[in-house]
Amino acid sequence: MVYSAKNHVLHLADKSMDYVTFGRGEKPLVMIPGLGDGLATVRGMAQSISFLYRRLGRDYKVYVFSRMNELPVGCSTRDMAGDLARAMTALGLTQTPVLGISQGGMIAQWLALDFPDKVSRLLLAVTTARANELSRERVGHWMRLAQADQYQDLMADIGQHSYSSRTYACLKYLYKLMGFFGKIKNKERLLIQAQACKEHDARAELARIFCPTLIVGAKMDDVLGLEASYELNRIIENSRLIVLPDCGHALYEKNKEFQQLVLEFLESNQ
């Protein structure tokens, strides 16, 4: 087991949420994954997630939360933040650094705005303050492919636009295999989360985020575009922006560098 990685299910009233924990540190760190959570929750993925983010697990106990298993139609990124706040309360997590990736970053924005007592530091990676033309085009196309049960085409398109062209050239056959053998476990859940991405817009309130904030953008982001990171940096006053070169929307291309940035920010005086 990598750093005591464990799978969990949290029950809140009539709903449930999958989450994993790993790490040997005493300090907590909350992570919120992106839209891939609509394809599959973190259930059963403790080992793989802990290995991928093992550098964070050296110093922190990391909590990685999926969305609720029971998502109502029309559930927004702000609603998802409320669900996460309740989960954190149930687990005794307060004044915790929060790392949100892609759609997870949209949720993290609302968590910091509506539940500031939960967030001590905010890390927003390859995310946006609002749905823009590029993201609506990408996510809308993925929704149409999902509705038509074209899973192979869906996975190929996600891979093509998430990585730089050089990296995708090495991974395209893997994505073809994933598309051939995989399937969408819960189409409605994916579509609800995708629609929430298309409707996200926190610009009018982001100036109320006062905790130290690190924004990580990717120069070759072909899902949200790099300008989305610059816009976040302009609106959130107490924020710093770092751009990863030669990197697409999928931060795995710069995984070591990204985790090092996270650790440096968490230990800095900002």
C-alpha atoms as a PDB file:
ATOM      1  CA  MET A   1       0.000   0.000   0.000  1.00  0.00           C
ATOM      2  CA  VAL A   2       1.298   3.461  -0.907  1.00  0.00           C
ATOM      3  CA  TYR A   3       1.176   5.636   2.192  1.00  0.00           C
ATOM      4  CA  SER A   4      -1.764   3.776   3.789  1.00  0.00           C
ATOM      5  CA  ALA A   5      -4.103   4.384   0.846  1.00  0.00           C
ATOM      6  CA  LYS A   6      -7.715   3.568   1.694  1.00  0.00           C
ATOM      7  CA  ASN A   7     -11.080   3.658  -0.046  1.00  0.00           C
ATOM      8  CA  HIS A   8     -14.068   5.083   1.841  1.00  0.00           C
ATOM      9  CA  VAL A   9     -17.765   5.790   1.456  1.00  0.00           C
ATOM     10  CA  LEU A  10     -19.234   8.648   3.490  1.00  0.00           C
ATOM     11  CA  HIS A  11     -22.975   8.532   4.199  1.00  0.00           C
ATOM     12  CA  LEU A  12     -24.745  11.864   4.668  1.00  0.00           C
ATOM     13  CA  ALA A  13     -28.496  11.552   5.333  1.00  0.00           C
ATOM     14  CA  ASP A  14     -29.906   9.806   2.237  1.00  0.00           C
ATOM     15  CA  LYS A  15     -26.811  10.396   0.084  1.00  0.00           C
ATOM     16  CA  SER A  16     -23.334   8.939  -0.154  1.00  0.00           C
ATOM     17  CA  MET A  17     -19.946  10.153  -1.355  1.00  0.00           C
ATOM     18  CA  ASP A  18     -16.905   8.126  -2.382  1.00  0.00           C
ATOM     19  CA  TYR A  19     -13.533   9.379  -1.204  1.00  0.00           C
ATOM     20  CA  VAL A  20     -10.018   8.090  -0.701  1.00  0.00           C
ATOM     21  CA  THR A  21      -7.305   8.952   1.791  1.00  0.00           C
ATOM     22  CA  PHE A  22      -3.556   8.463   1.669  1.00  0.00           C
ATOM     23  CA  GLY A  23      -0.419   9.967   3.143  1.00  0.00           C
ATOM     24  CA  ARG A  24       1.748   9.689   6.211  1.00  0.00           C
ATOM     25  CA  GLY A  25       1.584  13.322   7.281  1.00  0.00           C
ATOM     26  CA  GLU A  26      -0.596  14.765  10.011  1.00  0.00           C
ATOM     27  CA  LYS A  27      -1.580  17.888   8.075  1.00  0.00           C
ATOM     28  CA  PRO A  28      -4.687  17.428   5.889  1.00  0.00           C
ATOM     29  CA  LEU A  29      -4.994  18.397   2.232  1.00  0.00           C
ATOM     30  CA  VAL A  30      -8.284  18.205   0.315  1.00  0.00           C
ATOM     31  CA  MET A  31      -8.252  17.438  -3.410  1.00  0.00           C
ATOM     32  CA  ILE A  32     -11.208  17.803  -5.787  1.00  0.00           C
ATOM     33  CA  PRO A  33     -10.860  16.039  -9.164  1.00  0.00           C
ATOM     34  CA  GLY A  34     -12.196  17.273 -12.477  1.00  0.00           C
ATOM     35  CA  LEU A  35     -14.954  16.217 -14.851  1.00  0.00           C
ATOM     36  CA  GLY A  36     -13.455  12.747 -15.109  1.00  0.00           C
ATOM     37  CA  ASP A  37     -15.381  12.125 -11.887  1.00  0.00           C
ATOM     38  CA  GLY A  38     -18.461  11.958 -14.091  1.00  0.00           C
ATOM     39  CA  LEU A  39     -16.995   8.984 -15.934  1.00  0.00           C
ATOM     40  CA  ALA A  40     -16.010   7.169 -12.734  1.00  0.00           C
ATOM     41  CA  THR A  41     -15.820   8.171  -9.070  1.00  0.00           C
ATOM     42  CA  VAL A  42     -12.695   7.559  -6.981  1.00  0.00           C
ATOM     43  CA  ARG A  43     -14.205   4.323  -5.644  1.00  0.00           C
ATOM     44  CA  GLY A  44     -11.559   1.598  -5.614  1.00  0.00           C
ATOM     45  CA  MET A  45      -8.862   3.988  -6.876  1.00  0.00           C
ATOM     46  CA  ALA A  46      -6.985   4.648  -3.626  1.00  0.00           C
ATOM     47  CA  GLN A  47      -3.857   2.801  -4.744  1.00  0.00           C
ATOM     48  CA  SER A  48      -3.586   4.409  -8.164  1.00  0.00           C
ATOM     49  CA  ILE A  49      -4.341   7.935  -6.882  1.00  0.00           C
ATOM     50  CA  SER A  50      -1.882   7.620  -4.004  1.00  0.00           C
ATOM     51  CA  PHE A  51       0.845   6.444  -6.378  1.00  0.00           C
ATOM     52  CA  LEU A  52       0.185   9.295  -8.808  1.00  0.00           C
ATOM     53  CA  TYR A  53       0.296  11.929  -6.045  1.00  0.00           C
ATOM     54  CA  ARG A  54       2.768  10.156  -3.762  1.00  0.00           C
ATOM     55  CA  ARG A  55       4.952  13.248  -3.354  1.00  0.00           C
ATOM     56  CA  LEU A  56       2.056  15.024  -1.624  1.00  0.00           C
ATOM     57  CA  GLY A  57       1.538  12.001   0.612  1.00  0.00           C
ATOM     58  CA  ARG A  58       4.992  12.293   2.123  1.00  0.00           C
ATOM     59  CA  ASP A  59       3.994  15.328   4.181  1.00  0.00           C
ATOM     60  CA  TYR A  60       0.187  15.382   4.125  1.00  0.00           C
ATOM     61  CA  LYS A  61      -2.821  13.208   4.737  1.00  0.00           C
ATOM     62  CA  VAL A  62      -4.653  13.711   1.470  1.00  0.00           C
ATOM     63  CA  TYR A  63      -8.433  13.446   1.080  1.00  0.00           C
ATOM     64  CA  VAL A  64      -9.706  13.064  -2.497  1.00  0.00           C
ATOM     65  CA  PHE A  65     -13.481  13.566  -2.756  1.00  0.00           C
ATOM     66  CA  SER A  66     -15.837  12.586  -5.553  1.00  0.00           C
ATOM     67  CA  ARG A  67     -19.176  14.314  -6.032  1.00  0.00           C
ATOM     68  CA  MET A  68     -22.211  12.835  -4.335  1.00  0.00           C
ATOM     69  CA  ASN A  69     -23.276   9.516  -5.823  1.00  0.00           C
ATOM     70  CA  GLU A  70     -26.816  10.885  -6.009  1.00  0.00           C
ATOM     71  CA  LEU A  71     -26.619  14.088  -8.049  1.00  0.00           C
ATOM     72  CA  PRO A  72     -29.952  15.756  -8.847  1.00  0.00           C
ATOM     73  CA  VAL A  73     -30.559  17.177 -12.295  1.00  0.00           C
ATOM     74  CA  GLY A  74     -29.533  20.830 -12.295  1.00  0.00           C
ATOM     75  CA  CYS A  75     -26.891  20.397  -9.590  1.00  0.00           C
ATOM     76  CA  SER A  76     -24.439  23.295  -9.956  1.00  0.00           C
ATOM     77  CA  THR A  77     -20.789  23.647  -9.049  1.00  0.00           C
ATOM     78  CA  ARG A  78     -21.974  25.757  -6.120  1.00  0.00           C
ATOM     79  CA  ASP A  79     -24.286  22.959  -4.960  1.00  0.00           C
ATOM     80  CA  MET A  80     -21.386  20.527  -5.241  1.00  0.00           C
ATOM     81  CA  ALA A  81     -19.316  22.809  -3.015  1.00  0.00           C
ATOM     82  CA  GLY A  82     -22.089  22.683  -0.420  1.00  0.00           C
ATOM     83  CA  ASP A  83     -22.029  18.884  -0.538  1.00  0.00           C
ATOM     84  CA  LEU A  84     -18.271  18.897  -0.046  1.00  0.00           C
ATOM     85  CA  ALA A  85     -18.537  21.308   2.892  1.00  0.00           C
ATOM     86  CA  ARG A  86     -20.936  18.910   4.610  1.00  0.00           C
ATOM     87  CA  ALA A  87     -18.537  16.036   3.991  1.00  0.00           C
ATOM     88  CA  MET A  88     -15.647  18.021   5.440  1.00  0.00           C
ATOM     89  CA  THR A  89     -17.730  18.882   8.505  1.00  0.00           C
ATOM     90  CA  ALA A  90     -18.557  15.214   9.013  1.00  0.00           C
ATOM     91  CA  LEU A  91     -14.839  14.360   8.896  1.00  0.00           C
ATOM     92  CA  GLY A  92     -13.773  17.266  11.124  1.00  0.00           C
ATOM     93  CA  LEU A  93     -11.891  19.120   8.376  1.00  0.00           C
ATOM     94  CA  THR A  94     -11.663  22.879   8.942  1.00  0.00           C
ATOM     95  CA  GLN A  95      -9.140  25.505   7.784  1.00  0.00           C
ATOM     96  CA  THR A  96      -7.693  23.020   5.324  1.00  0.00           C
ATOM     97  CA  PRO A  97      -5.712  23.689   2.145  1.00  0.00           C
ATOM     98  CA  VAL A  98      -7.865  22.784  -0.854  1.00  0.00           C
ATOM     99  CA  LEU A  99      -6.625  21.796  -4.305  1.00  0.00           C
ATOM    100  CA  GLY A 100      -9.181  21.844  -7.125  1.00  0.00           C
ATOM    101  CA  ILE A 101      -8.306  20.591 -10.605  1.00  0.00           C
ATOM    102  CA  SER A 102     -10.369  21.658 -13.646  1.00  0.00           C
ATOM    103  CA  GLN A 103     -14.042  21.310 -12.603  1.00  0.00           C
ATOM    104  CA  GLY A 104     -12.715  20.600  -9.125  1.00  0.00           C
ATOM    105  CA  GLY A 105     -11.285  24.114  -9.211  1.00  0.00           C
ATOM    106  CA  MET A 106     -14.721  25.525 -10.016  1.00  0.00           C
ATOM    107  CA  ILE A 107     -16.113  23.730  -6.971  1.00  0.00           C
ATOM    108  CA  ALA A 108     -13.172  24.917  -4.864  1.00  0.00           C
ATOM    109  CA  GLN A 109     -13.957  28.540  -5.754  1.00  0.00           C
ATOM    110  CA  TRP A 110     -17.455  28.245  -4.301  1.00  0.00           C
ATOM    111  CA  LEU A 111     -16.146  26.348  -1.279  1.00  0.00           C
ATOM    112  CA  ALA A 112     -13.790  29.226  -0.471  1.00  0.00           C
ATOM    113  CA  LEU A 113     -16.560  31.783  -1.062  1.00  0.00           C
ATOM    114  CA  ASP A 114     -19.443  30.151   0.793  1.00  0.00           C
ATOM    115  CA  PHE A 115     -17.489  28.269   3.479  1.00  0.00           C
ATOM    116  CA  PRO A 116     -14.334  30.321   4.139  1.00  0.00           C
ATOM    117  CA  ASP A 117     -13.856  28.567   7.486  1.00  0.00           C
ATOM    118  CA  LYS A 118     -13.112  25.369   5.557  1.00  0.00           C
ATOM    119  CA  VAL A 119     -10.295  26.736   3.383  1.00  0.00           C
ATOM    120  CA  SER A 120      -6.932  27.973   4.659  1.00  0.00           C
ATOM    121  CA  ARG A 121      -5.190  28.017   1.281  1.00  0.00           C
ATOM    122  CA  LEU A 122      -6.611  27.617  -2.187  1.00  0.00           C
ATOM    123  CA  LEU A 123      -4.950  25.969  -5.166  1.00  0.00           C
ATOM    124  CA  LEU A 124      -6.749  26.304  -8.508  1.00  0.00           C
ATOM    125  CA  ALA A 125      -5.243  24.216 -11.297  1.00  0.00           C
ATOM    126  CA  VAL A 126      -6.227  24.383 -15.001  1.00  0.00           C
ATOM    127  CA  THR A 127      -9.586  25.861 -14.124  1.00  0.00           C
ATOM    128  CA  THR A 128     -11.684  28.923 -14.868  1.00  0.00           C
ATOM    129  CA  ALA A 129     -13.850  31.583 -13.257  1.00  0.00           C
ATOM    130  CA  ARG A 130     -16.521  31.014 -15.909  1.00  0.00           C
ATOM    131  CA  ALA A 131     -17.411  28.842 -18.815  1.00  0.00           C
ATOM    132  CA  ASN A 132     -15.877  30.387 -21.919  1.00  0.00           C
ATOM    133  CA  GLU A 133     -16.428  29.758 -25.608  1.00  0.00           C
ATOM    134  CA  LEU A 134     -13.707  27.110 -25.813  1.00  0.00           C
ATOM    135  CA  SER A 135     -14.843  25.164 -22.744  1.00  0.00           C
ATOM    136  CA  ARG A 136     -18.483  25.230 -23.837  1.00  0.00           C
ATOM    137  CA  GLU A 137     -17.442  23.874 -27.237  1.00  0.00           C
ATOM    138  CA  ARG A 138     -15.329  21.080 -25.753  1.00  0.00           C
ATOM    139  CA  VAL A 139     -17.746  20.051 -23.003  1.00  0.00           C
ATOM    140  CA  GLY A 140     -20.771  20.368 -25.271  1.00  0.00           C
ATOM    141  CA  HIS A 141     -19.178  18.009 -27.782  1.00  0.00           C
ATOM    142  CA  TRP A 142     -18.391  15.500 -25.030  1.00  0.00           C
ATOM    143  CA  MET A 143     -22.001  15.665 -23.870  1.00  0.00           C
ATOM    144  CA  ARG A 144     -23.263  14.902 -27.378  1.00  0.00           C
ATOM    145  CA  LEU A 145     -20.906  11.930 -27.685  1.00  0.00           C
ATOM    146  CA  ALA A 146     -21.992  10.618 -24.280  1.00  0.00           C
ATOM    147  CA  GLN A 147     -25.674  10.978 -25.135  1.00  0.00           C
ATOM    148  CA  ALA A 148     -25.077   8.995 -28.342  1.00  0.00           C
ATOM    149  CA  ASP A 149     -23.157   6.290 -26.408  1.00  0.00           C
ATOM    150  CA  GLN A 150     -20.098   6.930 -28.566  1.00  0.00           C
ATOM    151  CA  TYR A 151     -17.643   6.079 -25.816  1.00  0.00           C
ATOM    152  CA  GLN A 152     -14.680   5.358 -28.091  1.00  0.00           C
ATOM    153  CA  ASP A 153     -15.009   8.736 -29.790  1.00  0.00           C
ATOM    154  CA  LEU A 154     -15.515  10.404 -26.407  1.00  0.00           C
ATOM    155  CA  MET A 155     -12.304   9.015 -24.935  1.00  0.00           C
ATOM    156  CA  ALA A 156     -10.338   9.825 -28.086  1.00  0.00           C
ATOM    157  CA  ASP A 157     -11.556  13.428 -28.086  1.00  0.00           C
ATOM    158  CA  ILE A 158     -10.852  13.881 -24.379  1.00  0.00           C
ATOM    159  CA  GLY A 159      -7.330  12.576 -24.833  1.00  0.00           C
ATOM    160  CA  GLN A 160      -6.648  14.614 -27.956  1.00  0.00           C
ATOM    161  CA  HIS A 161      -7.621  17.915 -26.344  1.00  0.00           C
ATOM    162  CA  SER A 162      -6.271  17.235 -22.845  1.00  0.00           C
ATOM    163  CA  TYR A 163      -2.647  16.599 -23.788  1.00  0.00           C
ATOM    164  CA  SER A 164      -0.080  18.354 -25.918  1.00  0.00           C
ATOM    165  CA  SER A 165       0.195  16.853 -29.393  1.00  0.00           C
ATOM    166  CA  ARG A 166       3.521  15.212 -28.579  1.00  0.00           C
ATOM    167  CA  THR A 167       2.224  13.491 -25.460  1.00  0.00           C
ATOM    168  CA  TYR A 168      -1.035  12.424 -27.098  1.00  0.00           C
ATOM    169  CA  ALA A 169       0.936  10.804 -29.926  1.00  0.00           C
ATOM    170  CA  CYS A 170       2.337   8.447 -27.279  1.00  0.00           C
ATOM    171  CA  LEU A 171      -0.996   7.903 -25.528  1.00  0.00           C
ATOM    172  CA  LYS A 172      -3.520   7.702 -28.354  1.00  0.00           C
ATOM    173  CA  TYR A 173      -3.440   3.912 -28.553  1.00  0.00           C
ATOM    174  CA  LEU A 174      -4.017   3.674 -24.811  1.00  0.00           C
ATOM    175  CA  TYR A 175      -7.059   5.936 -25.173  1.00  0.00           C
ATOM    176  CA  LYS A 176      -8.294   3.806 -28.051  1.00  0.00           C
ATOM    177  CA  LEU A 177      -8.069   0.720 -25.826  1.00  0.00           C
ATOM    178  CA  MET A 178      -9.844   2.540 -23.014  1.00  0.00           C
ATOM    179  CA  GLY A 179     -12.584   3.551 -25.426  1.00  0.00           C
ATOM    180  CA  PHE A 180     -12.898   0.032 -26.828  1.00  0.00           C
ATOM    181  CA  PHE A 181     -13.110  -1.819 -23.512  1.00  0.00           C
ATOM    182  CA  GLY A 182     -14.634   0.864 -21.283  1.00  0.00           C
ATOM    183  CA  LYS A 183     -18.083   2.333 -20.932  1.00  0.00           C
ATOM    184  CA  ILE A 184     -19.853   5.187 -19.197  1.00  0.00           C
ATOM    185  CA  LYS A 185     -20.936   3.854 -15.821  1.00  0.00           C
ATOM    186  CA  ASN A 186     -23.600   6.489 -15.235  1.00  0.00           C
ATOM    187  CA  LYS A 187     -24.440   8.675 -18.232  1.00  0.00           C
ATOM    188  CA  GLU A 188     -26.835  10.930 -16.322  1.00  0.00           C
ATOM    189  CA  ARG A 189     -24.207  11.660 -13.674  1.00  0.00           C
ATOM    190  CA  LEU A 190     -21.689  12.639 -16.347  1.00  0.00           C
ATOM    191  CA  LEU A 191     -24.186  14.893 -18.120  1.00  0.00           C
ATOM    192  CA  ILE A 192     -25.170  16.634 -14.866  1.00  0.00           C
ATOM    193  CA  GLN A 193     -21.548  17.438 -14.088  1.00  0.00           C
ATOM    194  CA  ALA A 194     -20.828  18.519 -17.659  1.00  0.00           C
ATOM    195  CA  GLN A 195     -23.820  20.872 -17.641  1.00  0.00           C
ATOM    196  CA  ALA A 196     -22.589  22.340 -14.351  1.00  0.00           C
ATOM    197  CA  CYS A 197     -19.266  23.098 -16.069  1.00  0.00           C
ATOM    198  CA  LYS A 198     -21.047  24.866 -18.923  1.00  0.00           C
ATOM    199  CA  GLU A 199     -23.005  27.031 -16.491  1.00  0.00           C
ATOM    200  CA  HIS A 200     -20.219  27.870 -14.025  1.00  0.00           C
ATOM    201  CA  ASP A 201     -19.655  31.595 -13.490  1.00  0.00           C
ATOM    202  CA  ALA A 202     -18.212  32.897 -10.211  1.00  0.00           C
ATOM    203  CA  ARG A 203     -16.689  36.112 -11.540  1.00  0.00           C
ATOM    204  CA  ALA A 204     -19.023  38.450  -9.675  1.00  0.00           C
ATOM    205  CA  GLU A 205     -17.999  37.026  -6.290  1.00  0.00           C
ATOM    206  CA  LEU A 206     -14.380  35.902  -6.622  1.00  0.00           C
ATOM    207  CA  ALA A 207     -13.065  39.193  -5.255  1.00  0.00           C
ATOM    208  CA  ARG A 208     -14.324  37.977  -1.870  1.00  0.00           C
ATOM    209  CA  ILE A 209     -11.656  35.254  -1.740  1.00  0.00           C
ATOM    210  CA  PHE A 210      -9.004  36.504   0.675  1.00  0.00           C
ATOM    211  CA  CYS A 211      -7.068  33.352   1.565  1.00  0.00           C
ATOM    212  CA  PRO A 212      -3.676  32.810  -0.116  1.00  0.00           C
ATOM    213  CA  THR A 213      -4.357  31.435  -3.595  1.00  0.00           C
ATOM    214  CA  LEU A 214      -2.125  29.741  -6.155  1.00  0.00           C
ATOM    215  CA  ILE A 215      -3.371  29.478  -9.737  1.00  0.00           C
ATOM    216  CA  VAL A 216      -1.639  26.965 -12.002  1.00  0.00           C
ATOM    217  CA  GLY A 217      -2.278  27.291 -15.716  1.00  0.00           C
ATOM    218  CA  ALA A 218      -1.071  25.205 -18.651  1.00  0.00           C
ATOM    219  CA  LYS A 219       0.350  26.984 -21.680  1.00  0.00           C
ATOM    220  CA  MET A 220      -1.152  24.446 -24.112  1.00  0.00           C
ATOM    221  CA  ASP A 221      -4.540  24.025 -22.405  1.00  0.00           C
ATOM    222  CA  ASP A 222      -6.965  23.173 -25.189  1.00  0.00           C
ATOM    223  CA  VAL A 223      -9.990  22.603 -22.935  1.00  0.00           C
ATOM    224  CA  LEU A 224     -10.250  25.923 -21.087  1.00  0.00           C
ATOM    225  CA  GLY A 225      -7.473  27.981 -22.640  1.00  0.00           C
ATOM    226  CA  LEU A 226      -4.635  29.732 -20.805  1.00  0.00           C
ATOM    227  CA  GLU A 227      -6.523  33.049 -20.691  1.00  0.00           C
ATOM    228  CA  ALA A 228      -8.861  31.465 -18.120  1.00  0.00           C
ATOM    229  CA  SER A 229      -5.956  31.269 -15.658  1.00  0.00           C
ATOM    230  CA  TYR A 230      -4.969  34.891 -16.306  1.00  0.00           C
ATOM    231  CA  GLU A 231      -8.551  35.984 -15.696  1.00  0.00           C
ATOM    232  CA  LEU A 232      -8.667  34.179 -12.351  1.00  0.00           C
ATOM    233  CA  ASN A 233      -5.409  35.846 -11.365  1.00  0.00           C
ATOM    234  CA  ARG A 234      -6.797  39.292 -12.225  1.00  0.00           C
ATOM    235  CA  ILE A 235      -9.976  38.817 -10.199  1.00  0.00           C
ATOM    236  CA  ILE A 236      -8.603  37.100  -7.071  1.00  0.00           C
ATOM    237  CA  GLU A 237      -6.523  39.803  -5.435  1.00  0.00           C
ATOM    238  CA  ASN A 238      -4.396  37.649  -3.121  1.00  0.00           C
ATOM    239  CA  SER A 239      -3.364  35.206  -5.841  1.00  0.00           C
ATOM    240  CA  ARG A 240      -0.241  34.152  -7.684  1.00  0.00           C
ATOM    241  CA  LEU A 241      -0.187  32.599 -11.160  1.00  0.00           C
ATOM    242  CA  ILE A 242       2.308  30.037 -12.415  1.00  0.00           C
ATOM    243  CA  VAL A 243       2.096  28.714 -15.980  1.00  0.00           C
ATOM    244  CA  LEU A 244       3.424  25.256 -16.829  1.00  0.00           C
ATOM    245  CA  PRO A 245       5.093  25.268 -20.271  1.00  0.00           C
ATOM    246  CA  ASP A 246       4.788  22.364 -22.718  1.00  0.00           C
ATOM    247  CA  CYS A 247       1.730  21.157 -20.827  1.00  0.00           C
ATOM    248  CA  GLY A 248      -1.882  20.625 -21.826  1.00  0.00           C
ATOM    249  CA  HIS A 249      -5.004  20.481 -19.679  1.00  0.00           C
ATOM    250  CA  ALA A 250      -3.936  17.117 -18.253  1.00  0.00           C
ATOM    251  CA  LEU A 251      -1.402  18.020 -15.593  1.00  0.00           C
ATOM    252  CA  TYR A 252       0.044  14.497 -15.697  1.00  0.00           C
ATOM    253  CA  GLU A 253       2.401  15.852 -18.372  1.00  0.00           C
ATOM    254  CA  LYS A 254       4.127  17.915 -15.683  1.00  0.00           C
ATOM    255  CA  ASN A 255       3.186  15.817 -12.670  1.00  0.00           C
ATOM    256  CA  LYS A 256       6.446  16.159 -10.722  1.00  0.00           C
ATOM    257  CA  GLU A 257       6.718  19.880 -11.370  1.00  0.00           C
ATOM    258  CA  PHE A 258       3.061  20.403 -10.473  1.00  0.00           C
ATOM    259  CA  GLN A 259       3.316  18.558  -7.169  1.00  0.00           C
ATOM    260  CA  GLN A 260       6.480  20.461  -6.298  1.00  0.00           C
ATOM    261  CA  LEU A 261       4.658  23.747  -6.923  1.00  0.00           C
ATOM    262  CA  VAL A 262       1.844  22.595  -4.637  1.00  0.00           C
ATOM    263  CA  LEU A 263       4.250  21.655  -1.837  1.00  0.00           C
ATOM    264  CA  GLU A 264       6.195  24.913  -2.121  1.00  0.00           C
ATOM    265  CA  PHE A 265       2.996  26.942  -1.959  1.00  0.00           C
ATOM    266  CA  LEU A 266       1.672  25.020   1.032  1.00  0.00           C
ATOM    267  CA  GLU A 267       4.886  25.639   2.957  1.00  0.00           C
ATOM    268  CA  SER A 268       5.384  29.249   1.863  1.00  0.00           C
ATOM    269  CA  ASN A 269       4.615  32.397   3.849  1.00  0.00           C
ATOM    270  CA  GLN A 270       2.193  33.749   1.224  1.00  0.00           C
END
